[in-house]
């Protein structure tokens, strides 16, 4: 069992190199150079006066705020399979299932909520959903509130959002 070990030389043998002062000074020089350029020609700095001026470069692939979709008959597309909650790496989706009375599916969510303060907007919930019941195409990119409850989206709120880029039809069973 001869293992070949590769030895790598460590840089910065002198005291001056080990305290990183020259590297910090070089970084500060670059920052000051950019600052001086921006201050001398203030009109060349690209600025968006948000919220009066909204971004125009939001594409269809943008992952905005979540929404739940409806079927053609107006019922909720979600079948409470818990796939979205299972796929969520931040565990911010909470579902409580109940029996469905209309005979279309076995169950539906009685409670469905997303904690947007915990959400990392990765889109795994959208990809995991077999019924295309949850989407992130609302076009809403800023959510504001004063209290924690303002950032908890319940089922009614998620159903009230409309898609900004695509049609409402889901691929759920009809």
Protein backbone atom coordinates (compact mmCIF):
# COMPACT_ATOMS: atom_id res chain seq x y z
CA UNK A 1 0.00 0.00 0.00
CA UNK A 2 2.25 2.72 -1.25
CA UNK A 3 0.34 5.94 -1.30
CA UNK A 4 1.79 8.82 -3.20
CA UNK A 5 1.72 11.93 -1.07
CA UNK A 6 2.00 15.26 -2.79
CA UNK A 7 3.58 17.97 -0.70
CA UNK A 8 2.42 21.49 -1.47
CA UNK A 9 4.60 24.44 -0.61
CA UNK A 10 2.93 26.93 1.66
CA UNK A 11 3.08 30.53 0.50
CA UNK A 12 3.72 33.46 2.76
CA UNK A 13 6.77 32.47 4.69
CA UNK A 14 7.66 36.00 5.72
CA UNK A 15 5.90 37.83 8.54
CA UNK A 16 4.73 40.54 6.13
CA UNK A 17 2.98 37.94 3.95
CA UNK A 18 1.38 36.12 6.88
CA UNK A 19 -0.40 39.18 8.29
CA UNK A 20 -2.06 39.91 4.90
CA UNK A 21 -1.49 43.68 5.15
CA UNK A 22 -0.25 44.02 1.55
CA UNK A 23 -3.32 42.15 0.25
CA UNK A 24 -5.66 44.33 2.29
CA UNK A 25 -3.98 47.50 0.99
CA UNK A 26 -4.30 46.27 -2.62
CA UNK A 27 -8.02 45.63 -2.08
CA UNK A 28 -8.51 49.08 -0.57
CA UNK A 29 -6.70 50.65 -3.54
CA UNK A 30 -9.11 48.94 -5.95
CA UNK A 31 -12.13 50.05 -3.92
CA UNK A 32 -10.95 53.67 -3.71
CA UNK A 33 -10.21 53.70 -7.44
CA UNK A 34 -13.79 52.56 -8.24
CA UNK A 35 -15.24 55.02 -5.72
CA UNK A 36 -13.31 57.91 -7.26
CA UNK A 37 -14.48 56.94 -10.75
CA UNK A 38 -18.14 56.72 -9.67
CA UNK A 39 -18.04 60.01 -7.76
CA UNK A 40 -16.37 61.88 -10.62
CA UNK A 41 -18.93 60.66 -13.19
CA UNK A 42 -22.14 60.21 -11.18
CA UNK A 43 -24.34 60.02 -14.31
CA UNK A 44 -22.68 56.78 -15.45
CA UNK A 45 -23.92 54.89 -12.36
CA UNK A 46 -26.96 52.78 -13.27
CA UNK A 47 -29.66 53.31 -10.64
CA UNK A 48 -33.20 51.98 -10.29
CA UNK A 49 -35.44 54.24 -8.19
CA UNK A 50 -37.34 51.45 -6.46
CA UNK A 51 -40.32 51.24 -5.68
CA UNK A 52 -41.42 54.05 -8.00
CA UNK A 53 -39.58 52.38 -10.86
CA UNK A 54 -40.13 48.62 -11.10
CA UNK A 55 -37.58 46.19 -12.59
CA UNK A 56 -38.21 45.32 -16.23
CA UNK A 57 -35.82 42.39 -16.54
CA UNK A 58 -37.92 39.78 -14.72
CA UNK A 59 -38.25 36.71 -16.93
CA UNK A 60 -40.73 33.82 -16.90
CA UNK A 61 -38.15 31.66 -15.12
CA UNK A 62 -38.01 34.07 -12.15
CA UNK A 63 -38.99 32.40 -8.88
CA UNK A 64 -41.26 34.86 -7.15
CA UNK A 65 -43.82 34.35 -4.43
CA UNK A 66 -45.68 31.03 -4.27
CA UNK A 67 -49.25 30.40 -5.36
CA UNK A 68 -51.64 27.44 -5.44
CA UNK A 69 -53.46 26.63 -8.68
CA UNK A 70 -57.10 25.80 -9.37
CA UNK A 71 -58.65 23.16 -11.59
CA UNK A 72 -61.07 24.08 -14.38
CA UNK A 73 -64.01 23.53 -12.02
CA UNK A 74 -62.54 25.98 -9.50
CA UNK A 75 -61.39 23.45 -6.90
CA UNK A 76 -57.88 23.37 -5.52
CA UNK A 77 -55.36 21.29 -7.50
CA UNK A 78 -53.43 20.18 -4.43
CA UNK A 79 -54.05 16.56 -3.34
CA UNK A 80 -52.11 16.92 -0.05
CA UNK A 81 -49.46 14.39 -1.01
CA UNK A 82 -46.82 16.21 1.08
CA UNK A 83 -44.25 15.96 -1.73
CA UNK A 84 -43.56 19.72 -1.63
CA UNK A 85 -43.09 19.72 2.13
CA UNK A 86 -40.79 16.70 1.87
CA UNK A 87 -38.66 18.27 -0.87
CA UNK A 88 -38.34 21.62 0.93
CA UNK A 89 -34.79 21.96 2.35
CA UNK A 90 -35.81 24.71 4.76
CA UNK A 91 -38.95 22.92 6.04
CA UNK A 92 -41.15 25.99 5.61
CA UNK A 93 -44.24 24.28 4.12
CA UNK A 94 -46.90 23.02 6.53
CA UNK A 95 -49.84 20.92 5.32
CA UNK A 96 -52.76 19.42 7.20
CA UNK A 97 -54.81 17.01 5.05
CA UNK A 98 -58.53 16.25 5.12
CA UNK A 99 -60.87 13.92 3.22
CA UNK A 100 -62.24 15.26 -0.05
CA UNK A 101 -66.03 15.12 -0.42
CA UNK A 102 -66.34 15.77 -4.17
CA UNK A 103 -64.94 12.36 -5.16
CA UNK A 104 -62.30 13.80 -7.47
CA UNK A 105 -59.37 12.81 -5.27
CA UNK A 106 -58.79 11.05 -2.01
CA UNK A 107 -57.73 14.08 0.02
CA UNK A 108 -57.08 17.81 -0.08
CA UNK A 109 -55.30 20.26 2.20
CA UNK A 110 -57.37 21.58 5.08
CA UNK A 111 -54.51 23.88 6.02
CA UNK A 112 -51.62 24.82 3.74
CA UNK A 113 -49.12 27.47 4.79
CA UNK A 114 -45.69 28.68 3.72
CA UNK A 115 -43.41 30.63 6.02
CA UNK A 116 -41.69 33.03 3.61
CA UNK A 117 -39.21 34.11 6.29
CA UNK A 118 -37.86 30.55 6.33
CA UNK A 119 -38.19 29.93 2.58
CA UNK A 120 -35.03 30.14 0.46
CA UNK A 121 -37.02 30.29 -2.82
CA UNK A 122 -35.17 27.32 -4.31
CA UNK A 123 -38.16 26.02 -6.31
CA UNK A 124 -37.83 22.40 -5.13
CA UNK A 125 -41.48 22.41 -4.04
CA UNK A 126 -42.58 23.33 -7.58
CA UNK A 127 -40.47 20.58 -9.12
CA UNK A 128 -41.63 17.96 -6.60
CA UNK A 129 -45.37 18.59 -7.04
CA UNK A 130 -46.90 15.83 -9.22
CA UNK A 131 -50.11 17.82 -9.80
CA UNK A 132 -48.59 21.19 -10.72
CA UNK A 133 -50.53 22.60 -7.78
CA UNK A 134 -47.83 24.95 -6.50
CA UNK A 135 -46.04 27.49 -8.65
CA UNK A 136 -43.70 30.42 -8.14
CA UNK A 137 -44.78 32.55 -11.10
CA UNK A 138 -46.71 35.35 -9.41
CA UNK A 139 -44.19 38.02 -10.41
CA UNK A 140 -44.25 39.30 -6.83
CA UNK A 141 -40.64 39.82 -5.84
CA UNK A 142 -41.00 41.85 -2.66
CA UNK A 143 -43.14 41.00 0.33
CA UNK A 144 -43.32 43.57 3.09
CA UNK A 145 -44.88 43.51 6.52
CA UNK A 146 -44.50 44.71 10.08
CA UNK A 147 -45.18 41.48 11.94
CA UNK A 148 -44.22 37.84 11.48
CA UNK A 149 -47.81 36.88 10.62
CA UNK A 150 -47.58 39.10 7.51
CA UNK A 151 -45.02 36.67 6.08
CA UNK A 152 -47.00 33.50 6.74
CA UNK A 153 -49.02 32.69 3.62
CA UNK A 154 -52.07 30.53 4.29
CA UNK A 155 -54.16 28.53 1.81
CA UNK A 156 -56.61 31.33 1.03
CA UNK A 157 -53.82 33.83 0.37
CA UNK A 158 -51.93 31.34 -1.84
CA UNK A 159 -55.09 30.62 -3.83
CA UNK A 160 -55.78 34.34 -4.34
CA UNK A 161 -52.50 35.00 -6.19
CA UNK A 162 -52.64 34.86 -9.99
CA UNK A 163 -49.88 33.84 -12.36
CA UNK A 164 -48.05 36.72 -13.98
CA UNK A 165 -46.41 34.78 -16.79
CA UNK A 166 -48.44 31.65 -17.54
CA UNK A 167 -52.03 30.53 -17.82
CA UNK A 168 -53.91 29.34 -14.75
CA UNK A 169 -54.58 25.82 -16.02
CA UNK A 170 -52.77 23.13 -14.08
CA UNK A 171 -51.99 19.66 -15.37
CA UNK A 172 -53.87 18.08 -12.47
CA UNK A 173 -56.50 15.46 -13.16
CA UNK A 174 -59.74 16.98 -14.32
